[in-house]
Structure formats: C-alpha cells, structure tokens
Amino acid sequence: MKSRTAGQYAAVIDLLTHQLNGYGYEGLANKEEQLFNKHYNANGKAHREFVQLFGADKIVENLGKFLGYFMVRKVMAGVELKSVAGTAAKKLSQWLVAKRYIGEEEG
C-alpha cells in the first residue's frame, strides 16, 4: 500500500473513531446504554469512551451512519474522501471477518 493511501485510510479510521465515540451510543440497547452511561460519565481513570467499551460488532453496525451521514453532514467530505472512506470501510470489514472478530454475515 502506498504511503498516501495508508495516510488516507488512517484519517478515515480516525474519523470513524470520532463518530463512534460521539454518536455510537445512539444505537445501543437499554442494557448497553446503561453500561455506556456508567463508564462515559465516570471521572478520572474510570471514564471510558465508546470504542473502549464495545467491540467490532458495533463498528459494523455504525458503518452505514458513518458513511451515509457523518462523512456527508458532519465532515462535509468531498468526493475523493468519501470514496476513500467507502474503500477503507470495506477493507476494515474484510479484515474483521478474516481475523474472526465478526462473522461473514456481519461483514
């Protein structure tokens, strides 16, 4: 992979992390939401962000919102960055399946 492409993918993953930490809680079930609120609202070392509490399944659940809303409305990404984000999301999903963090049906 070229260094420019690697840099673009890293930027997309940073944006995805930001989106998950800022908006990932919106899709949580009641018990998960309680867990999130407990740790997110904690002080000091007990504080946890969304990505520190939940696993790969939550990444996949949020990719649609990331690509379809966050990248368009919040980042206001141009055509090139949206294209890179789509490719990076696809490769991330494939990697998660290959590493068995998620099943093929999820990826």
PDB file of N, CA and C in Angstrom:
ATOM      1  N   MET A   1       0.843  -1.167   0.000  1.00  0.00           N
ATOM      2  CA  MET A   1       0.000   0.000   0.000  1.00  0.00           C
ATOM      3  C   MET A   1       0.898   1.243   0.000  1.00  0.00           C
ATOM      4  N   LYS A   2       0.571   2.183  -0.841  1.00  0.00           N
ATOM      5  CA  LYS A   2       1.333   3.427  -0.904  1.00  0.00           C
ATOM      6  C   LYS A   2       1.133   4.231   0.378  1.00  0.00           C
ATOM      7  N   SER A   3       2.131   5.038   0.713  1.00  0.00           N
ATOM      8  CA  SER A   3       2.048   5.802   1.957  1.00  0.00           C
ATOM      9  C   SER A   3       0.898   6.807   1.928  1.00  0.00           C
ATOM     10  N   ARG A   4       0.581   7.354   0.752  1.00  0.00           N
ATOM     11  CA  ARG A   4      -0.546   8.285   0.655  1.00  0.00           C
ATOM     12  C   ARG A   4      -1.854   7.568   0.981  1.00  0.00           C
ATOM     13  N   THR A   5      -2.017   6.373   0.424  1.00  0.00           N
ATOM     14  CA  THR A   5      -3.224   5.586   0.689  1.00  0.00           C
ATOM     15  C   THR A   5      -3.303   5.207   2.153  1.00  0.00           C
ATOM     16  N   ALA A   6      -2.190   4.767   2.725  1.00  0.00           N
ATOM     17  CA  ALA A   6      -2.164   4.414   4.152  1.00  0.00           C
ATOM     18  C   ALA A   6      -2.541   5.618   5.008  1.00  0.00           C
ATOM     19  N   GLY A   7      -2.056   6.790   4.648  1.00  0.00           N
ATOM     20  CA  GLY A   7      -2.396   8.005   5.376  1.00  0.00           C
ATOM     21  C   GLY A   7      -3.877   8.342   5.271  1.00  0.00           C
ATOM     22  N   GLN A   8      -4.436   8.153   4.081  1.00  0.00           N
ATOM     23  CA  GLN A   8      -5.867   8.404   3.889  1.00  0.00           C
ATOM     24  C   GLN A   8      -6.700   7.427   4.715  1.00  0.00           C
ATOM     25  N   TYR A   9      -6.306   6.154   4.711  1.00  0.00           N
ATOM     26  CA  TYR A   9      -7.034   5.151   5.495  1.00  0.00           C
ATOM     27  C   TYR A   9      -6.945   5.468   6.981  1.00  0.00           C
ATOM     28  N   ALA A  10      -5.771   5.889   7.438  1.00  0.00           N
ATOM     29  CA  ALA A  10      -5.602   6.252   8.845  1.00  0.00           C
ATOM     30  C   ALA A  10      -6.502   7.424   9.207  1.00  0.00           C
ATOM     31  N   ALA A  11      -6.621   8.396   8.308  1.00  0.00           N
ATOM     32  CA  ALA A  11      -7.503   9.539   8.549  1.00  0.00           C
ATOM     33  C   ALA A  11      -8.950   9.096   8.635  1.00  0.00           C
ATOM     34  N   VAL A  12      -9.347   8.161   7.785  1.00  0.00           N
ATOM     35  CA  VAL A  12     -10.720   7.638   7.812  1.00  0.00           C
ATOM     36  C   VAL A  12     -10.981   6.900   9.117  1.00  0.00           C
ATOM     37  N   ILE A  13     -10.033   6.103   9.569  1.00  0.00           N
ATOM     38  CA  ILE A  13     -10.197   5.370  10.831  1.00  0.00           C
ATOM     39  C   ILE A  13     -10.284   6.353  12.003  1.00  0.00           C
ATOM     40  N   ASP A  14      -9.520   7.422  11.956  1.00  0.00           N
ATOM     41  CA  ASP A  14      -9.626   8.460  12.992  1.00  0.00           C
ATOM     42  C   ASP A  14     -11.019   9.076  12.995  1.00  0.00           C
ATOM     43  N   LEU A  15     -11.546   9.366  11.800  1.00  0.00           N
ATOM     44  CA  LEU A  15     -12.902   9.917  11.700  1.00  0.00           C
ATOM     45  C   LEU A  15     -13.942   8.918  12.189  1.00  0.00           C
ATOM     46  N   LEU A  16     -13.764   7.646  11.853  1.00  0.00           N
ATOM     47  CA  LEU A  16     -14.690   6.605  12.317  1.00  0.00           C
ATOM     48  C   LEU A  16     -14.659   6.513  13.839  1.00  0.00           C
ATOM     49  N   THR A  17     -13.485   6.562  14.419  1.00  0.00           N
ATOM     50  CA  THR A  17     -13.354   6.531  15.879  1.00  0.00           C
ATOM     51  C   THR A  17     -14.073   7.724  16.503  1.00  0.00           C
ATOM     52  N   HIS A  18     -13.894   8.883  15.900  1.00  0.00           N
ATOM     53  CA  HIS A  18     -14.569  10.087  16.380  1.00  0.00           C
ATOM     54  C   HIS A  18     -16.088   9.918  16.289  1.00  0.00           C
ATOM     55  N   GLN A  19     -16.560   9.392  15.180  1.00  0.00           N
ATOM     56  CA  GLN A  19     -18.003   9.179  15.000  1.00  0.00           C
ATOM     57  C   GLN A  19     -18.535   8.179  16.025  1.00  0.00           C
ATOM     58  N   LEU A  20     -17.824   7.090  16.235  1.00  0.00           N
ATOM     59  CA  LEU A  20     -18.265   6.086  17.206  1.00  0.00           C
ATOM     60  C   LEU A  20     -18.310   6.673  18.617  1.00  0.00           C
ATOM     61  N   ASN A  21     -17.270   7.401  18.995  1.00  0.00           N
ATOM     62  CA  ASN A  21     -17.232   7.991  20.336  1.00  0.00           C
ATOM     63  C   ASN A  21     -18.292   9.069  20.514  1.00  0.00           C
ATOM     64  N   GLY A  22     -18.627   9.759  19.452  1.00  0.00           N
ATOM     65  CA  GLY A  22     -19.592  10.843  19.554  1.00  0.00           C
ATOM     66  C   GLY A  22     -21.039  10.446  19.348  1.00  0.00           C
ATOM     67  N   TYR A  23     -21.269   9.400  18.553  1.00  0.00           N
ATOM     68  CA  TYR A  23     -22.643   9.056  18.172  1.00  0.00           C
ATOM     69  C   TYR A  23     -22.987   7.572  18.300  1.00  0.00           C
ATOM     70  N   GLY A  24     -22.019   6.729  18.557  1.00  0.00           N
ATOM     71  CA  GLY A  24     -22.260   5.286  18.608  1.00  0.00           C
ATOM     72  C   GLY A  24     -23.292   4.870  19.640  1.00  0.00           C
ATOM     73  N   TYR A  25     -23.370   5.622  20.723  1.00  0.00           N
ATOM     74  CA  TYR A  25     -24.314   5.298  21.798  1.00  0.00           C
ATOM     75  C   TYR A  25     -25.769   5.360  21.329  1.00  0.00           C
ATOM     76  N   GLU A  26     -26.040   6.100  20.269  1.00  0.00           N
ATOM     77  CA  GLU A  26     -27.423   6.293  19.813  1.00  0.00           C
ATOM     78  C   GLU A  26     -28.109   4.989  19.416  1.00  0.00           C
ATOM     79  N   GLY A  27     -27.353   3.983  19.019  1.00  0.00           N
ATOM     80  CA  GLY A  27     -27.942   2.724  18.595  1.00  0.00           C
ATOM     81  C   GLY A  27     -27.883   1.621  19.634  1.00  0.00           C
ATOM     82  N   LEU A  28     -27.552   1.948  20.856  1.00  0.00           N
ATOM     83  CA  LEU A  28     -27.401   0.923  21.889  1.00  0.00           C
ATOM     84  C   LEU A  28     -28.743   0.474  22.455  1.00  0.00           C
ATOM     85  N   ALA A  29     -28.797  -0.791  22.796  1.00  0.00           N
ATOM     86  CA  ALA A  29     -29.949  -1.331  23.513  1.00  0.00           C
ATOM     87  C   ALA A  29     -29.890  -0.815  24.957  1.00  0.00           C
ATOM     88  N   ASN A  30     -30.966  -0.938  25.678  1.00  0.00           N
ATOM     89  CA  ASN A  30     -31.100  -0.363  27.016  1.00  0.00           C
ATOM     90  C   ASN A  30     -29.960  -0.766  27.958  1.00  0.00           C
ATOM     91  N   LYS A  31     -29.669  -2.053  28.040  1.00  0.00           N
ATOM     92  CA  LYS A  31     -28.623  -2.527  28.951  1.00  0.00           C
ATOM     93  C   LYS A  31     -27.246  -1.997  28.528  1.00  0.00           C
ATOM     94  N   GLU A  32     -26.998  -1.973  27.220  1.00  0.00           N
ATOM     95  CA  GLU A  32     -25.736  -1.437  26.706  1.00  0.00           C
ATOM     96  C   GLU A  32     -25.638   0.071  26.976  1.00  0.00           C
ATOM     97  N   GLU A  33     -26.757   0.754  26.836  1.00  0.00           N
ATOM     98  CA  GLU A  33     -26.782   2.196  27.084  1.00  0.00           C
ATOM     99  C   GLU A  33     -26.469   2.492  28.552  1.00  0.00           C
ATOM    100  N   GLN A  34     -26.990   1.684  29.455  1.00  0.00           N
ATOM    101  CA  GLN A  34     -26.698   1.867  30.879  1.00  0.00           C
ATOM    102  C   GLN A  34     -25.209   1.665  31.159  1.00  0.00           C
ATOM    103  N   LEU A  35     -24.634   0.627  30.549  1.00  0.00           N
ATOM    104  CA  LEU A  35     -23.203   0.370  30.693  1.00  0.00           C
ATOM    105  C   LEU A  35     -22.396   1.554  30.155  1.00  0.00           C
ATOM    106  N   PHE A  36     -22.764   2.017  28.976  1.00  0.00           N
ATOM    107  CA  PHE A  36     -22.069   3.156  28.378  1.00  0.00           C
ATOM    108  C   PHE A  36     -22.148   4.385  29.280  1.00  0.00           C
ATOM    109  N   ASN A  37     -23.348   4.741  29.717  1.00  0.00           N
ATOM    110  CA  ASN A  37     -23.526   5.938  30.552  1.00  0.00           C
ATOM    111  C   ASN A  37     -22.722   5.853  31.845  1.00  0.00           C
ATOM    112  N   LYS A  38     -22.712   4.684  32.447  1.00  0.00           N
ATOM    113  CA  LYS A  38     -21.965   4.495  33.689  1.00  0.00           C
ATOM    114  C   LYS A  38     -20.489   4.821  33.491  1.00  0.00           C
ATOM    115  N   HIS A  39     -19.908   4.289  32.435  1.00  0.00           N
ATOM    116  CA  HIS A  39     -18.472   4.476  32.205  1.00  0.00           C
ATOM    117  C   HIS A  39     -18.140   5.805  31.540  1.00  0.00           C
ATOM    118  N   TYR A  40     -18.991   6.258  30.663  1.00  0.00           N
ATOM    119  CA  TYR A  40     -18.732   7.517  29.966  1.00  0.00           C
ATOM    120  C   TYR A  40     -18.816   8.703  30.928  1.00  0.00           C
ATOM    121  N   ASN A  41     -19.740   8.640  31.845  1.00  0.00           N
ATOM    122  CA  ASN A  41     -19.935   9.735  32.797  1.00  0.00           C
ATOM    123  C   ASN A  41     -19.042   9.629  34.035  1.00  0.00           C
ATOM    124  N   ALA A  42     -18.240   8.589  34.112  1.00  0.00           N
ATOM    125  CA  ALA A  42     -17.329   8.418  35.243  1.00  0.00           C
ATOM    126  C   ALA A  42     -16.182   9.425  35.146  1.00  0.00           C
ATOM    127  N   ASN A  43     -15.588   9.697  36.262  1.00  0.00           N
ATOM    128  CA  ASN A  43     -14.466  10.640  36.318  1.00  0.00           C
ATOM    129  C   ASN A  43     -13.134   9.906  36.354  1.00  0.00           C
ATOM    130  N   GLY A  44     -12.109  10.594  35.907  1.00  0.00           N
ATOM    131  CA  GLY A  44     -10.741  10.075  36.001  1.00  0.00           C
ATOM    132  C   GLY A  44     -10.512   8.821  35.198  1.00  0.00           C
ATOM    133  N   LYS A  45      -9.777   7.899  35.808  1.00  0.00           N
ATOM    134  CA  LYS A  45      -9.393   6.670  35.114  1.00  0.00           C
ATOM    135  C   LYS A  45     -10.567   5.739  34.848  1.00  0.00           C
ATOM    136  N   ALA A  46     -11.667   5.944  35.515  1.00  0.00           N
ATOM    137  CA  ALA A  46     -12.855   5.100  35.297  1.00  0.00           C
ATOM    138  C   ALA A  46     -13.619   5.497  34.027  1.00  0.00           C
ATOM    139  N   HIS A  47     -13.335   6.701  33.503  1.00  0.00           N
ATOM    140  CA  HIS A  47     -14.002   7.174  32.282  1.00  0.00           C
ATOM    141  C   HIS A  47     -13.586   6.312  31.090  1.00  0.00           C
ATOM    142  N   ARG A  48     -14.565   5.939  30.273  1.00  0.00           N
ATOM    143  CA  ARG A  48     -14.307   5.165  29.059  1.00  0.00           C
ATOM    144  C   ARG A  48     -15.085   5.763  27.902  1.00  0.00           C
ATOM    145  N   GLU A  49     -14.468   5.757  26.740  1.00  0.00           N
ATOM    146  CA  GLU A  49     -15.125   6.165  25.505  1.00  0.00           C
ATOM    147  C   GLU A  49     -15.837   4.951  24.902  1.00  0.00           C
ATOM    148  N   PHE A  50     -16.707   5.208  23.952  1.00  0.00           N
ATOM    149  CA  PHE A  50     -17.475   4.156  23.290  1.00  0.00           C
ATOM    150  C   PHE A  50     -16.564   3.045  22.761  1.00  0.00           C
ATOM    151  N   VAL A  51     -15.493   3.426  22.061  1.00  0.00           N
ATOM    152  CA  VAL A  51     -14.622   2.417  21.449  1.00  0.00           C
ATOM    153  C   VAL A  51     -13.836   1.609  22.474  1.00  0.00           C
ATOM    154  N   GLN A  52     -13.778   2.079  23.702  1.00  0.00           N
ATOM    155  CA  GLN A  52     -13.113   1.326  24.759  1.00  0.00           C
ATOM    156  C   GLN A  52     -14.053   0.320  25.414  1.00  0.00           C
ATOM    157  N   LEU A  53     -15.343   0.476  25.189  1.00  0.00           N
ATOM    158  CA  LEU A  53     -16.332  -0.382  25.831  1.00  0.00           C
ATOM    159  C   LEU A  53     -16.899  -1.464  24.927  1.00  0.00           C
ATOM    160  N   PHE A  54     -16.976  -1.172  23.639  1.00  0.00           N
ATOM    161  CA  PHE A  54     -17.667  -2.083  22.730  1.00  0.00           C
ATOM    162  C   PHE A  54     -16.725  -2.596  21.654  1.00  0.00           C
ATOM    163  N   GLY A  55     -17.107  -3.722  21.074  1.00  0.00           N
ATOM    164  CA  GLY A  55     -16.240  -4.416  20.138  1.00  0.00           C
ATOM    165  C   GLY A  55     -16.554  -4.183  18.674  1.00  0.00           C
ATOM    166  N   ALA A  56     -16.004  -5.068  17.872  1.00  0.00           N
ATOM    167  CA  ALA A  56     -16.065  -4.952  16.419  1.00  0.00           C
ATOM    168  C   ALA A  56     -17.485  -4.959  15.876  1.00  0.00           C
ATOM    169  N   ASP A  57     -18.392  -5.654  16.529  1.00  0.00           N
ATOM    170  CA  ASP A  57     -19.773  -5.692  16.038  1.00  0.00           C
ATOM    171  C   ASP A  57     -20.382  -4.291  16.005  1.00  0.00           C
ATOM    172  N   LYS A  58     -19.998  -3.448  16.931  1.00  0.00           N
ATOM    173  CA  LYS A  58     -20.518  -2.072  16.956  1.00  0.00           C
ATOM    174  C   LYS A  58     -19.909  -1.223  15.844  1.00  0.00           C
ATOM    175  N   ILE A  59     -18.704  -1.555  15.419  1.00  0.00           N
ATOM    176  CA  ILE A  59     -18.109  -0.859  14.278  1.00  0.00           C
ATOM    177  C   ILE A  59     -18.974  -1.095  13.052  1.00  0.00           C
ATOM    178  N   VAL A  60     -19.257  -2.350  12.783  1.00  0.00           N
ATOM    179  CA  VAL A  60     -20.032  -2.710  11.589  1.00  0.00           C
ATOM    180  C   VAL A  60     -21.429  -2.110  11.650  1.00  0.00           C
ATOM    181  N   GLU A  61     -22.067  -2.155  12.804  1.00  0.00           N
ATOM    182  CA  GLU A  61     -23.408  -1.581  12.960  1.00  0.00           C
ATOM    183  C   GLU A  61     -23.442  -0.098  12.627  1.00  0.00           C
ATOM    184  N   ASN A  62     -22.342   0.591  12.822  1.00  0.00           N
ATOM    185  CA  ASN A  62     -22.299   2.040  12.636  1.00  0.00           C
ATOM    186  C   ASN A  62     -21.710   2.493  11.307  1.00  0.00           C
ATOM    187  N   LEU A  63     -21.259   1.579  10.468  1.00  0.00           N
ATOM    188  CA  LEU A  63     -20.645   1.984   9.208  1.00  0.00           C
ATOM    189  C   LEU A  63     -21.617   2.717   8.286  1.00  0.00           C
ATOM    190  N   GLY A  64     -22.868   2.300   8.264  1.00  0.00           N
ATOM    191  CA  GLY A  64     -23.854   2.977   7.421  1.00  0.00           C
ATOM    192  C   GLY A  64     -24.043   4.425   7.829  1.00  0.00           C
ATOM    193  N   LYS A  65     -24.157   4.660   9.129  1.00  0.00           N
ATOM    194  CA  LYS A  65     -24.294   6.031   9.637  1.00  0.00           C
ATOM    195  C   LYS A  65     -23.022   6.831   9.381  1.00  0.00           C
ATOM    196  N   PHE A  66     -21.889   6.173   9.527  1.00  0.00           N
ATOM    197  CA  PHE A  66     -20.615   6.836   9.292  1.00  0.00           C
ATOM    198  C   PHE A  66     -20.502   7.311   7.849  1.00  0.00           C
ATOM    199  N   LEU A  67     -20.759   6.405   6.917  1.00  0.00           N
ATOM    200  CA  LEU A  67     -20.609   6.745   5.501  1.00  0.00           C
ATOM    201  C   LEU A  67     -21.743   7.621   4.985  1.00  0.00           C
ATOM    202  N   GLY A  68     -22.967   7.320   5.402  1.00  0.00           N
ATOM    203  CA  GLY A  68     -24.127   7.995   4.846  1.00  0.00           C
ATOM    204  C   GLY A  68     -24.509   9.298   5.513  1.00  0.00           C
ATOM    205  N   TYR A  69     -24.110   9.465   6.765  1.00  0.00           N
ATOM    206  CA  TYR A  69     -24.470  10.687   7.480  1.00  0.00           C
ATOM    207  C   TYR A  69     -23.240  11.472   7.935  1.00  0.00           C
ATOM    208  N   PHE A  70     -22.405  10.832   8.726  1.00  0.00           N
ATOM    209  CA  PHE A  70     -21.288  11.538   9.342  1.00  0.00           C
ATOM    210  C   PHE A  70     -20.339  12.133   8.304  1.00  0.00           C
ATOM    211  N   MET A  71     -19.935  11.334   7.336  1.00  0.00           N
ATOM    212  CA  MET A  71     -18.996  11.824   6.328  1.00  0.00           C
ATOM    213  C   MET A  71     -19.615  12.921   5.461  1.00  0.00           C
ATOM    214  N   VAL A  72     -20.914  12.840   5.248  1.00  0.00           N
ATOM    215  CA  VAL A  72     -21.598  13.815   4.398  1.00  0.00           C
ATOM    216  C   VAL A  72     -21.969  15.068   5.168  1.00  0.00           C
ATOM    217  N   ARG A  73     -22.598  14.916   6.332  1.00  0.00           N
ATOM    218  CA  ARG A  73     -23.148  16.059   7.065  1.00  0.00           C
ATOM    219  C   ARG A  73     -22.193  16.689   8.072  1.00  0.00           C
ATOM    220  N   LYS A  74     -21.385  15.874   8.720  1.00  0.00           N
ATOM    221  CA  LYS A  74     -20.510  16.406   9.764  1.00  0.00           C
ATOM    222  C   LYS A  74     -19.126  16.770   9.209  1.00  0.00           C
ATOM    223  N   VAL A  75     -18.561  15.870   8.424  1.00  0.00           N
ATOM    224  CA  VAL A  75     -17.233  16.113   7.868  1.00  0.00           C
ATOM    225  C   VAL A  75     -17.339  16.969   6.603  1.00  0.00           C
ATOM    226  N   MET A  76     -18.483  16.856   5.925  1.00  0.00           N
ATOM    227  CA  MET A  76     -18.695  17.522   4.635  1.00  0.00           C
ATOM    228  C   MET A  76     -17.590  17.136   3.661  1.00  0.00           C
ATOM    229  N   ALA A  77     -17.336  15.821   3.625  1.00  0.00           N
ATOM    230  CA  ALA A  77     -16.259  15.279   2.812  1.00  0.00           C
ATOM    231  C   ALA A  77     -16.543  15.442   1.325  1.00  0.00           C
ATOM    232  N   GLY A  78     -15.477  15.659   0.590  1.00  0.00           N
ATOM    233  CA  GLY A  78     -15.567  15.726  -0.861  1.00  0.00           C
ATOM    234  C   GLY A  78     -15.659  14.333  -1.452  1.00  0.00           C
ATOM    235  N   VAL A  79     -15.770  14.285  -2.752  1.00  0.00           N
ATOM    236  CA  VAL A  79     -15.943  13.021  -3.471  1.00  0.00           C
ATOM    237  C   VAL A  79     -14.786  12.067  -3.202  1.00  0.00           C
ATOM    238  N   GLU A  80     -13.551  12.577  -3.238  1.00  0.00           N
ATOM    239  CA  GLU A  80     -12.386  11.707  -3.056  1.00  0.00           C
ATOM    240  C   GLU A  80     -12.367  11.088  -1.661  1.00  0.00           C
ATOM    241  N   LEU A  81     -12.577  11.902  -0.632  1.00  0.00           N
ATOM    242  CA  LEU A  81     -12.545  11.381   0.734  1.00  0.00           C
ATOM    243  C   LEU A  81     -13.695  10.403   0.977  1.00  0.00           C
ATOM    244  N   LYS A  82     -14.869  10.676   0.427  1.00  0.00           N
ATOM    245  CA  LYS A  82     -15.992   9.733   0.574  1.00  0.00           C
ATOM    246  C   LYS A  82     -15.664   8.407  -0.100  1.00  0.00           C
ATOM    247  N   SER A  83     -15.019   8.468  -1.253  1.00  0.00           N
ATOM    248  CA  SER A  83     -14.623   7.245  -1.944  1.00  0.00           C
ATOM    249  C   SER A  83     -13.604   6.457  -1.136  1.00  0.00           C
ATOM    250  N   VAL A  84     -12.606   7.159  -0.605  1.00  0.00           N
ATOM    251  CA  VAL A  84     -11.593   6.514   0.238  1.00  0.00           C
ATOM    252  C   VAL A  84     -12.251   5.916   1.473  1.00  0.00           C
ATOM    253  N   ALA A  85     -13.194   6.630   2.065  1.00  0.00           N
ATOM    254  CA  ALA A  85     -13.883   6.135   3.259  1.00  0.00           C
ATOM    255  C   ALA A  85     -14.646   4.861   2.953  1.00  0.00           C
ATOM    256  N   GLY A  86     -15.309   4.810   1.817  1.00  0.00           N
ATOM    257  CA  GLY A  86     -16.031   3.595   1.430  1.00  0.00           C
ATOM    258  C   GLY A  86     -15.095   2.413   1.256  1.00  0.00           C
ATOM    259  N   THR A  87     -13.979   2.644   0.588  1.00  0.00           N
ATOM    260  CA  THR A  87     -12.988   1.579   0.389  1.00  0.00           C
ATOM    261  C   THR A  87     -12.382   1.145   1.715  1.00  0.00           C
ATOM    262  N   ALA A  88     -12.038   2.106   2.559  1.00  0.00           N
ATOM    263  CA  ALA A  88     -11.454   1.775   3.867  1.00  0.00           C
ATOM    264  C   ALA A  88     -12.442   0.997   4.721  1.00  0.00           C
ATOM    265  N   ALA A  89     -13.715   1.377   4.687  1.00  0.00           N
ATOM    266  CA  ALA A  89     -14.742   0.660   5.456  1.00  0.00           C
ATOM    267  C   ALA A  89     -14.886  -0.775   4.960  1.00  0.00           C
ATOM    268  N   LYS A  90     -14.849  -0.945   3.659  1.00  0.00           N
ATOM    269  CA  LYS A  90     -14.945  -2.292   3.085  1.00  0.00           C
ATOM    270  C   LYS A  90     -13.743  -3.139   3.505  1.00  0.00           C
ATOM    271  N   LYS A  91     -12.547  -2.569   3.403  1.00  0.00           N
ATOM    272  CA  LYS A  91     -11.340  -3.310   3.788  1.00  0.00           C
ATOM    273  C   LYS A  91     -11.331  -3.603   5.290  1.00  0.00           C
ATOM    274  N   LEU A  92     -11.808  -2.676   6.097  1.00  0.00           N
ATOM    275  CA  LEU A  92     -11.908  -2.903   7.536  1.00  0.00           C
ATOM    276  C   LEU A  92     -12.858  -4.060   7.819  1.00  0.00           C
ATOM    277  N   SER A  93     -13.998  -4.069   7.171  1.00  0.00           N
ATOM    278  CA  SER A  93     -14.963  -5.162   7.353  1.00  0.00           C
ATOM    279  C   SER A  93     -14.355  -6.501   6.956  1.00  0.00           C
ATOM    280  N   GLN A  94     -13.649  -6.524   5.830  1.00  0.00           N
ATOM    281  CA  GLN A  94     -12.999  -7.755   5.373  1.00  0.00           C
ATOM    282  C   GLN A  94     -11.942  -8.221   6.376  1.00  0.00           C
ATOM    283  N   TRP A  95     -11.196  -7.280   6.925  1.00  0.00           N
ATOM    284  CA  TRP A  95     -10.172  -7.609   7.910  1.00  0.00           C
ATOM    285  C   TRP A  95     -10.804  -8.166   9.184  1.00  0.00           C
ATOM    286  N   LEU A  96     -11.900  -7.552   9.626  1.00  0.00           N
ATOM    287  CA  LEU A  96     -12.596  -8.037  10.824  1.00  0.00           C
ATOM    288  C   LEU A  96     -13.109  -9.460  10.627  1.00  0.00           C
ATOM    289  N   VAL A  97     -13.591  -9.769   9.433  1.00  0.00           N
ATOM    290  CA  VAL A  97     -14.040 -11.131   9.117  1.00  0.00           C
ATOM    291  C   VAL A  97     -12.847 -12.075   9.095  1.00  0.00           C
ATOM    292  N   ALA A  98     -11.771 -11.686   8.410  1.00  0.00           N
ATOM    293  CA  ALA A  98     -10.587 -12.539   8.292  1.00  0.00           C
ATOM    294  C   ALA A  98      -9.983 -12.852   9.654  1.00  0.00           C
ATOM    295  N   LYS A  99     -10.027 -11.902  10.566  1.00  0.00           N
ATOM    296  CA  LYS A  99      -9.481 -12.090  11.918  1.00  0.00           C
ATOM    297  C   LYS A  99     -10.511 -12.720  12.866  1.00  0.00           C
ATOM    298  N   ARG A 100     -11.703 -12.970  12.341  1.00  0.00           N
ATOM    299  CA  ARG A 100     -12.804 -13.592  13.085  1.00  0.00           C
ATOM    300  C   ARG A 100     -13.312 -12.760  14.259  1.00  0.00           C
ATOM    301  N   TYR A 101     -13.213 -11.438  14.123  1.00  0.00           N
ATOM    302  CA  TYR A 101     -13.823 -10.546  15.105  1.00  0.00           C
ATOM    303  C   TYR A 101     -15.317 -10.450  14.879  1.00  0.00           C
ATOM    304  N   ILE A 102     -15.725 -10.668  13.622  1.00  0.00           N
ATOM    305  CA  ILE A 102     -17.136 -10.706  13.249  1.00  0.00           C
ATOM    306  C   ILE A 102     -17.339 -11.852  12.270  1.00  0.00           C
ATOM    307  N   GLY A 103     -18.606 -12.288  12.119  1.00  0.00           N
ATOM    308  CA  GLY A 103     -18.904 -13.331  11.156  1.00  0.00           C
ATOM    309  C   GLY A 103     -19.056 -12.750   9.755  1.00  0.00           C
ATOM    310  N   GLU A 104     -18.983 -13.616   8.766  1.00  0.00           N
ATOM    311  CA  GLU A 104     -19.118 -13.162   7.372  1.00  0.00           C
ATOM    312  C   GLU A 104     -20.442 -12.464   7.114  1.00  0.00           C
ATOM    313  N   GLU A 105     -21.510 -12.909   7.765  1.00  0.00           N
ATOM    314  CA  GLU A 105     -22.817 -12.283   7.557  1.00  0.00           C
ATOM    315  C   GLU A 105     -22.853 -10.847   8.062  1.00  0.00           C
ATOM    316  N   GLU A 106     -22.017 -10.521   9.036  1.00  0.00           N
ATOM    317  CA  GLU A 106     -21.961  -9.164   9.566  1.00  0.00           C
ATOM    318  C   GLU A 106     -21.111  -8.260   8.677  1.00  0.00           C
ATOM    319  N   GLY A 107     -20.057  -8.814   8.103  1.00  0.00           N
ATOM    320  CA  GLY A 107     -19.112  -8.036   7.312  1.00  0.00           C
ATOM    321  C   GLY A 107     -19.612  -7.823   5.938  1.00  0.00           C
TER     322      GLY A 107
END
